[in-house]
C-alpha atoms as a PDB file:
ATOM      1  CA  UNK A   1      -0.075  -0.229  -0.020  1.00  0.00           C
ATOM      2  CA  UNK A   2       0.908   3.521  -0.799  1.00  0.00           C
ATOM      3  CA  UNK A   3       2.432   5.342   2.084  1.00  0.00           C
ATOM      4  CA  UNK A   4       0.207   7.976   3.471  1.00  0.00           C
ATOM      5  CA  UNK A   5       0.056  11.634   3.150  1.00  0.00           C
ATOM      6  CA  UNK A   6      -0.217  13.090   6.821  1.00  0.00           C
ATOM      7  CA  UNK A   7      -2.061  16.090   7.827  1.00  0.00           C
ATOM      8  CA  UNK A   8      -1.979  18.174  10.931  1.00  0.00           C
ATOM      9  CA  UNK A   9      -3.932  20.996  12.500  1.00  0.00           C
ATOM     10  CA  UNK A  10      -3.671  22.725  15.730  1.00  0.00           C
ATOM     11  CA  UNK A  11      -7.532  23.104  16.265  1.00  0.00           C
ATOM     12  CA  UNK A  12     -10.287  20.613  15.934  1.00  0.00           C
ATOM     13  CA  UNK A  13     -12.272  22.750  13.363  1.00  0.00           C
ATOM     14  CA  UNK A  14      -9.210  22.814  11.136  1.00  0.00           C
ATOM     15  CA  UNK A  15      -8.910  18.789  10.972  1.00  0.00           C
ATOM     16  CA  UNK A  16     -12.758  18.433  11.223  1.00  0.00           C
ATOM     17  CA  UNK A  17     -13.450  19.107   7.484  1.00  0.00           C
ATOM     18  CA  UNK A  18     -10.396  17.025   6.449  1.00  0.00           C
ATOM     19  CA  UNK A  19     -12.127  14.263   8.450  1.00  0.00           C
ATOM     20  CA  UNK A  20     -15.432  14.778   6.870  1.00  0.00           C
ATOM     21  CA  UNK A  21     -14.515  13.857   3.529  1.00  0.00           C
ATOM     22  CA  UNK A  22     -12.329  10.804   4.089  1.00  0.00           C
ATOM     23  CA  UNK A  23     -13.302   7.115   3.988  1.00  0.00           C
ATOM     24  CA  UNK A  24     -12.722   4.087   5.361  1.00  0.00           C
ATOM     25  CA  UNK A  25     -11.673   5.641   8.365  1.00  0.00           C
ATOM     26  CA  UNK A  26      -9.833   3.998  11.485  1.00  0.00           C
ATOM     27  CA  UNK A  27      -8.371   5.675  14.336  1.00  0.00           C
ATOM     28  CA  UNK A  28      -5.233   4.988  16.447  1.00  0.00           C
ATOM     29  CA  UNK A  29      -4.061   6.613  19.674  1.00  0.00           C
ATOM     30  CA  UNK A  30      -0.696   7.749  20.058  1.00  0.00           C
ATOM     31  CA  UNK A  31       0.931  10.272  22.966  1.00  0.00           C
ATOM     32  CA  UNK A  32      -2.824  11.323  23.853  1.00  0.00           C
ATOM     33  CA  UNK A  33      -3.315  12.048  20.078  1.00  0.00           C
ATOM     34  CA  UNK A  34      -5.985  10.707  17.805  1.00  0.00           C
ATOM     35  CA  UNK A  35      -4.536   9.578  14.368  1.00  0.00           C
ATOM     36  CA  UNK A  36      -7.011   8.730  11.946  1.00  0.00           C
ATOM     37  CA  UNK A  37      -6.704   6.951   8.818  1.00  0.00           C
ATOM     38  CA  UNK A  38      -8.253   6.839   5.582  1.00  0.00           C
ATOM     39  CA  UNK A  39      -8.621   7.931   2.101  1.00  0.00           C
ATOM     40  CA  UNK A  40      -9.280  11.779   0.645  1.00  0.00           C
ATOM     41  CA  UNK A  41     -10.394  11.692  -3.049  1.00  0.00           C
ATOM     42  CA  UNK A  42      -9.177   7.911  -3.000  1.00  0.00           C
ATOM     43  CA  UNK A  43      -5.340   8.971  -1.660  1.00  0.00           C
ATOM     44  CA  UNK A  44      -4.074   6.937   1.580  1.00  0.00           C
ATOM     45  CA  UNK A  45      -4.183   9.920   4.184  1.00  0.00           C
ATOM     46  CA  UNK A  46      -3.397  10.141   8.234  1.00  0.00           C
ATOM     47  CA  UNK A  47      -4.843  12.991  10.089  1.00  0.00           C
ATOM     48  CA  UNK A  48      -4.367  14.240  13.468  1.00  0.00           C
ATOM     49  CA  UNK A  49      -4.913  17.421  15.447  1.00  0.00           C
ATOM     50  CA  UNK A  50      -1.890  18.508  17.672  1.00  0.00           C
ATOM     51  CA  UNK A  51      -3.141  20.927  19.721  1.00  0.00           C
ATOM     52  CA  UNK A  52      -1.502  24.584  19.818  1.00  0.00           C
ATOM     53  CA  UNK A  53       2.456  25.559  20.043  1.00  0.00           C
ATOM     54  CA  UNK A  54       5.414  24.180  19.039  1.00  0.00           C
ATOM     55  CA  UNK A  55       6.010  20.853  21.425  1.00  0.00           C
ATOM     56  CA  UNK A  56       2.753  19.905  20.645  1.00  0.00           C
ATOM     57  CA  UNK A  57       3.361  20.524  17.009  1.00  0.00           C
ATOM     58  CA  UNK A  58       6.452  18.506  17.296  1.00  0.00           C
ATOM     59  CA  UNK A  59       5.234  15.498  19.492  1.00  0.00           C
ATOM     60  CA  UNK A  60       2.405  15.000  16.577  1.00  0.00           C
ATOM     61  CA  UNK A  61       4.853  15.012  13.744  1.00  0.00           C
ATOM     62  CA  UNK A  62       7.060  12.555  15.361  1.00  0.00           C
ATOM     63  CA  UNK A  63       4.510  10.514  16.575  1.00  0.00           C
ATOM     64  CA  UNK A  64       3.053  10.750  12.506  1.00  0.00           C
ATOM     65  CA  UNK A  65       6.457   9.734  11.342  1.00  0.00           C
ATOM     66  CA  UNK A  66       7.140   6.758  13.809  1.00  0.00           C
ATOM     67  CA  UNK A  67       3.819   5.007  13.423  1.00  0.00           C
ATOM     68  CA  UNK A  68       2.654   5.932   9.990  1.00  0.00           C
ATOM     69  CA  UNK A  69       5.703   6.549   7.731  1.00  0.00           C
ATOM     70  CA  UNK A  70       4.128   9.321   5.742  1.00  0.00           C
ATOM     71  CA  UNK A  71       5.220  10.310   2.395  1.00  0.00           C
ATOM     72  CA  UNK A  72       4.991  13.647   3.087  1.00  0.00           C
ATOM     73  CA  UNK A  73       3.290  15.802   5.993  1.00  0.00           C
ATOM     74  CA  UNK A  74       0.841  18.948   5.198  1.00  0.00           C
ATOM     75  CA  UNK A  75       0.496  21.309   8.351  1.00  0.00           C
ATOM     76  CA  UNK A  76      -3.161  23.262   7.416  1.00  0.00           C
ATOM     77  CA  UNK A  77      -4.739  25.955   9.799  1.00  0.00           C
ATOM     78  CA  UNK A  78      -5.044  29.840   9.938  1.00  0.00           C
ATOM     79  CA  UNK A  79      -2.423  32.371  10.579  1.00  0.00           C
ATOM     80  CA  UNK A  80      -1.562  35.962  10.996  1.00  0.00           C
ATOM     81  CA  UNK A  81      -0.898  37.856   7.922  1.00  0.00           C
ATOM     82  CA  UNK A  82       2.366  40.125   7.718  1.00  0.00           C
ATOM     83  CA  UNK A  83       3.038  42.999   5.472  1.00  0.00           C
ATOM     84  CA  UNK A  84       0.556  45.176   3.507  1.00  0.00           C
ATOM     85  CA  UNK A  85       0.336  42.796   0.633  1.00  0.00           C
ATOM     86  CA  UNK A  86      -0.777  39.880   2.509  1.00  0.00           C
ATOM     87  CA  UNK A  87      -4.683  40.412   3.194  1.00  0.00           C
ATOM     88  CA  UNK A  88      -7.592  38.312   5.041  1.00  0.00           C
ATOM     89  CA  UNK A  89      -8.344  35.091   3.265  1.00  0.00           C
ATOM     90  CA  UNK A  90      -5.201  34.711   1.461  1.00  0.00           C
ATOM     91  CA  UNK A  91      -3.181  31.779   1.537  1.00  0.00           C
ATOM     92  CA  UNK A  92       0.577  31.417   2.426  1.00  0.00           C
ATOM     93  CA  UNK A  93       2.700  28.470   1.756  1.00  0.00           C
ATOM     94  CA  UNK A  94       5.931  28.057   3.390  1.00  0.00           C
ATOM     95  CA  UNK A  95       9.265  27.893   1.578  1.00  0.00           C
ATOM     96  CA  UNK A  96      10.935  27.729   4.940  1.00  0.00           C
ATOM     97  CA  UNK A  97       9.666  28.092   8.538  1.00  0.00           C
ATOM     98  CA  UNK A  98      11.523  30.117  11.264  1.00  0.00           C
ATOM     99  CA  UNK A  99      11.218  30.040  15.464  1.00  0.00           C
ATOM    100  CA  UNK A 100      11.638  33.365  16.343  1.00  0.00           C
ATOM    101  CA  UNK A 101      11.483  32.506  19.723  1.00  0.00           C
ATOM    102  CA  UNK A 102      14.808  30.428  19.597  1.00  0.00           C
ATOM    103  CA  UNK A 103      17.411  32.979  21.257  1.00  0.00           C
ATOM    104  CA  UNK A 104      20.950  31.703  22.083  1.00  0.00           C
ATOM    105  CA  UNK A 105      22.447  35.322  21.045  1.00  0.00           C
ATOM    106  CA  UNK A 106      23.326  35.980  24.899  1.00  0.00           C
ATOM    107  CA  UNK A 107      25.630  32.723  25.031  1.00  0.00           C
ATOM    108  CA  UNK A 108      26.977  32.409  21.613  1.00  0.00           C
ATOM    109  CA  UNK A 109      25.833  35.268  19.325  1.00  0.00           C
ATOM    110  CA  UNK A 110      23.983  33.418  16.695  1.00  0.00           C
ATOM    111  CA  UNK A 111      21.279  35.068  15.107  1.00  0.00           C
ATOM    112  CA  UNK A 112      17.970  34.867  16.906  1.00  0.00           C
ATOM    113  CA  UNK A 113      16.189  31.755  15.365  1.00  0.00           C
ATOM    114  CA  UNK A 114      19.544  29.957  14.287  1.00  0.00           C
ATOM    115  CA  UNK A 115      19.488  26.273  15.979  1.00  0.00           C
ATOM    116  CA  UNK A 116      21.387  23.283  15.491  1.00  0.00           C
ATOM    117  CA  UNK A 117      19.229  20.214  14.464  1.00  0.00           C
ATOM    118  CA  UNK A 118      20.013  16.591  15.129  1.00  0.00           C
ATOM    119  CA  UNK A 119      22.250  15.181  12.414  1.00  0.00           C
ATOM    120  CA  UNK A 120      22.400  18.478  10.835  1.00  0.00           C
ATOM    121  CA  UNK A 121      26.300  19.595   9.868  1.00  0.00           C
ATOM    122  CA  UNK A 122      25.726  23.053  10.439  1.00  0.00           C
ATOM    123  CA  UNK A 123      23.085  25.156  12.355  1.00  0.00           C
ATOM    124  CA  UNK A 124      19.868  26.671  10.485  1.00  0.00           C
ATOM    125  CA  UNK A 125      18.036  29.468  10.639  1.00  0.00           C
ATOM    126  CA  UNK A 126      15.372  28.665   8.149  1.00  0.00           C
ATOM    127  CA  UNK A 127      13.994  25.381   8.298  1.00  0.00           C
ATOM    128  CA  UNK A 128      13.289  24.054   4.966  1.00  0.00           C
ATOM    129  CA  UNK A 129      10.236  23.202   3.569  1.00  0.00           C
ATOM    130  CA  UNK A 130       9.229  21.296   0.338  1.00  0.00           C
ATOM    131  CA  UNK A 131       9.264  23.842  -2.515  1.00  0.00           C
ATOM    132  CA  UNK A 132       8.278  21.975  -5.391  1.00  0.00           C
ATOM    133  CA  UNK A 133       5.046  20.776  -3.370  1.00  0.00           C
ATOM    134  CA  UNK A 134       4.637  24.275  -2.032  1.00  0.00           C
ATOM    135  CA  UNK A 135       4.083  25.674  -5.639  1.00  0.00           C
ATOM    136  CA  UNK A 136       1.679  22.751  -6.658  1.00  0.00           C
ATOM    137  CA  UNK A 137      -0.204  24.165  -3.673  1.00  0.00           C
ATOM    138  CA  UNK A 138       0.094  27.463  -4.506  1.00  0.00           C
ATOM    139  CA  UNK A 139      -1.014  26.973  -8.380  1.00  0.00           C
ATOM    140  CA  UNK A 140      -3.942  25.308  -7.139  1.00  0.00           C
ATOM    141  CA  UNK A 141      -4.522  27.675  -4.251  1.00  0.00           C
ATOM    142  CA  UNK A 142      -4.697  30.748  -6.839  1.00  0.00           C
ATOM    143  CA  UNK A 143      -7.914  29.534  -8.299  1.00  0.00           C
ATOM    144  CA  UNK A 144      -9.700  28.825  -4.896  1.00  0.00           C
ATOM    145  CA  UNK A 145      -8.549  31.766  -2.687  1.00  0.00           C
ATOM    146  CA  UNK A 146      -7.644  34.175  -5.145  1.00  0.00           C
ATOM    147  CA  UNK A 147      -4.306  35.009  -3.668  1.00  0.00           C
ATOM    148  CA  UNK A 148      -1.490  32.532  -2.442  1.00  0.00           C
ATOM    149  CA  UNK A 149       1.982  33.934  -1.337  1.00  0.00           C
ATOM    150  CA  UNK A 150       5.240  31.673  -1.428  1.00  0.00           C
ATOM    151  CA  UNK A 151       7.866  32.569   1.731  1.00  0.00           C
ATOM    152  CA  UNK A 152       8.843  32.317   5.105  1.00  0.00           C
ATOM    153  CA  UNK A 153       6.433  31.578   7.950  1.00  0.00           C
ATOM    154  CA  UNK A 154       7.040  32.329  11.192  1.00  0.00           C
ATOM    155  CA  UNK A 155       6.425  30.284  14.410  1.00  0.00           C
ATOM    156  CA  UNK A 156       6.722  30.752  18.022  1.00  0.00           C
ATOM    157  CA  UNK A 157       5.106  29.822  21.183  1.00  0.00           C
ATOM    158  CA  UNK A 158       2.832  33.026  21.115  1.00  0.00           C
ATOM    159  CA  UNK A 159      -0.329  34.437  19.892  1.00  0.00           C
ATOM    160  CA  UNK A 160       1.077  37.468  18.163  1.00  0.00           C
ATOM    161  CA  UNK A 161      -1.622  40.325  18.410  1.00  0.00           C
ATOM    162  CA  UNK A 162       0.958  43.417  18.421  1.00  0.00           C
ATOM    163  CA  UNK A 163       1.705  45.026  14.916  1.00  0.00           C
ATOM    164  CA  UNK A 164       4.871  46.061  15.866  1.00  0.00           C
ATOM    165  CA  UNK A 165       6.062  42.501  16.727  1.00  0.00           C
ATOM    166  CA  UNK A 166       4.657  41.619  13.253  1.00  0.00           C
ATOM    167  CA  UNK A 167       6.931  44.100  11.658  1.00  0.00           C
ATOM    168  CA  UNK A 168       9.882  43.129  13.716  1.00  0.00           C
ATOM    169  CA  UNK A 169       9.210  39.475  12.139  1.00  0.00           C
ATOM    170  CA  UNK A 170       9.099  40.618   8.643  1.00  0.00           C
ATOM    171  CA  UNK A 171      12.103  43.112   9.046  1.00  0.00           C
ATOM    172  CA  UNK A 172      14.138  40.329  11.058  1.00  0.00           C
ATOM    173  CA  UNK A 173      13.121  37.188   8.818  1.00  0.00           C
ATOM    174  CA  UNK A 174      10.782  38.146   5.756  1.00  0.00           C
ATOM    175  CA  UNK A 175       8.335  36.676   7.078  1.00  0.00           C
ATOM    176  CA  UNK A 176       4.988  36.425   5.361  1.00  0.00           C
ATOM    177  CA  UNK A 177       2.642  34.921   8.323  1.00  0.00           C
ATOM    178  CA  UNK A 178       3.008  34.081  12.039  1.00  0.00           C
ATOM    179  CA  UNK A 179       1.847  30.975  13.804  1.00  0.00           C
ATOM    180  CA  UNK A 180       2.290  28.539  16.380  1.00  0.00           C
ATOM    181  CA  UNK A 181       3.053  25.278  15.101  1.00  0.00           C
ATOM    182  CA  UNK A 182       4.701  25.099  11.329  1.00  0.00           C
ATOM    183  CA  UNK A 183       8.358  25.791  12.344  1.00  0.00           C
ATOM    184  CA  UNK A 184       8.226  22.941  14.730  1.00  0.00           C
ATOM    185  CA  UNK A 185       6.460  20.450  12.274  1.00  0.00           C
ATOM    186  CA  UNK A 186       9.024  21.064   9.936  1.00  0.00           C
ATOM    187  CA  UNK A 187      11.791  20.670  12.213  1.00  0.00           C
ATOM    188  CA  UNK A 188      10.758  17.018  13.067  1.00  0.00           C
ATOM    189  CA  UNK A 189      10.025  16.551   9.383  1.00  0.00           C
ATOM    190  CA  UNK A 190      13.435  17.493   8.216  1.00  0.00           C
ATOM    191  CA  UNK A 191      15.234  15.481  10.977  1.00  0.00           C
ATOM    192  CA  UNK A 192      12.829  12.571   9.812  1.00  0.00           C
ATOM    193  CA  UNK A 193      13.573  12.991   6.178  1.00  0.00           C
ATOM    194  CA  UNK A 194      10.071  13.772   5.639  1.00  0.00           C
ATOM    195  CA  UNK A 195       9.027  16.053   3.058  1.00  0.00           C
ATOM    196  CA  UNK A 196       6.768  19.227   4.645  1.00  0.00           C
ATOM    197  CA  UNK A 197       4.630  21.742   3.606  1.00  0.00           C
ATOM    198  CA  UNK A 198       2.935  24.349   5.637  1.00  0.00           C
ATOM    199  CA  UNK A 199      -0.277  25.945   4.219  1.00  0.00           C
ATOM    200  CA  UNK A 200      -2.065  28.640   6.178  1.00  0.00           C
ATOM    201  CA  UNK A 201      -5.207  31.111   5.420  1.00  0.00           C
ATOM    202  CA  UNK A 202      -4.699  34.542   6.904  1.00  0.00           C
ATOM    203  CA  UNK A 203      -7.357  35.309   9.612  1.00  0.00           C
ATOM    204  CA  UNK A 204      -5.865  38.600  10.557  1.00  0.00           C
ATOM    205  CA  UNK A 205      -3.507  41.678   9.476  1.00  0.00           C
ATOM    206  CA  UNK A 206      -2.786  44.668  11.331  1.00  0.00           C
ATOM    207  CA  UNK A 207      -2.505  46.429   7.845  1.00  0.00           C
ATOM    208  CA  UNK A 208      -6.169  45.641   7.033  1.00  0.00           C
ATOM    209  CA  UNK A 209      -9.210  47.435   8.685  1.00  0.00           C
ATOM    210  CA  UNK A 210     -11.428  44.091   7.950  1.00  0.00           C
ATOM    211  CA  UNK A 211     -12.125  41.878  10.696  1.00  0.00           C
ATOM    212  CA  UNK A 212     -13.696  38.404  10.489  1.00  0.00           C
ATOM    213  CA  UNK A 213     -15.435  36.303  13.088  1.00  0.00           C
ATOM    214  CA  UNK A 214     -12.506  33.789  13.913  1.00  0.00           C
ATOM    215  CA  UNK A 215     -14.805  30.849  14.515  1.00  0.00           C
ATOM    216  CA  UNK A 216     -16.544  31.254  11.525  1.00  0.00           C
ATOM    217  CA  UNK A 217     -13.555  32.033   9.396  1.00  0.00           C
ATOM    218  CA  UNK A 218     -11.496  28.877  10.893  1.00  0.00           C
ATOM    219  CA  UNK A 219     -14.860  26.994   9.611  1.00  0.00           C
ATOM    220  CA  UNK A 220     -14.585  27.973   6.225  1.00  0.00           C
ATOM    221  CA  UNK A 221     -11.153  27.709   5.850  1.00  0.00           C
ATOM    222  CA  UNK A 222     -11.241  24.584   6.819  1.00  0.00           C
ATOM    223  CA  UNK A 223     -13.629  23.628   4.123  1.00  0.00           C
ATOM    224  CA  UNK A 224     -11.720  25.303   1.308  1.00  0.00           C
ATOM    225  CA  UNK A 225      -8.550  23.492   2.633  1.00  0.00           C
ATOM    226  CA  UNK A 226     -10.569  20.128   2.062  1.00  0.00           C
ATOM    227  CA  UNK A 227     -11.884  21.192  -1.353  1.00  0.00           C
ATOM    228  CA  UNK A 228      -7.993  22.079  -2.277  1.00  0.00           C
ATOM    229  CA  UNK A 229      -6.993  19.058  -1.207  1.00  0.00           C
ATOM    230  CA  UNK A 230      -9.377  16.753  -2.950  1.00  0.00           C
ATOM    231  CA  UNK A 231      -8.294  18.810  -5.856  1.00  0.00           C
ATOM    232  CA  UNK A 232      -4.607  18.463  -5.663  1.00  0.00           C
ATOM    233  CA  UNK A 233      -4.162  15.613  -3.669  1.00  0.00           C
ATOM    234  CA  UNK A 234      -3.493  13.306  -6.519  1.00  0.00           C
ATOM    235  CA  UNK A 235      -0.538  15.352  -7.411  1.00  0.00           C
ATOM    236  CA  UNK A 236       1.281  15.240  -4.342  1.00  0.00           C
END
């Protein structure tokens, strides 16, 4: 049987729509997290809700790698947009992630976000995502969402609500979006040699005067993610 595609979301609402579209579902529990195996548009998948934050996300990605051997892992969800050109409803797909709250500057003078990874020859600041897969998703996202951006996603254990902090993330890392899981999932995937893609729908941006009801927006975003995956999953 073909290796499954792994799909991870932090919140229940982010994975429920994917689960609703799956067939032949069966569940396993690992580390307190439920992993649902099945098919989406005929393609084997395994889906899990990790809960918010970097440690939860890394635990989920590691368990997925250990128990299900996915051929790639896709992290879906919502994020804050950074910059004037990234608007509510747009999609940001990571070419790389940074963990902006990793800081050993006082110890070794390394730039904020630069870290050593198990098995890596040199420290990394940008944790790479799979650019070929990102481009496939971006092309499909343009049709469904209207605007898809490829670039850096900034991850940290903080819900960013300060516009000035968002501007710092853009200046320091060139980030287009900020959230709480993508960098940790990319980190775990890189160590396990599993291709990773991070796809985030923008729910807010300090530069936008528009506001949305977060729960309703997250539900709509999850439904769009399901539609997107059904369209493109056979190409991944």
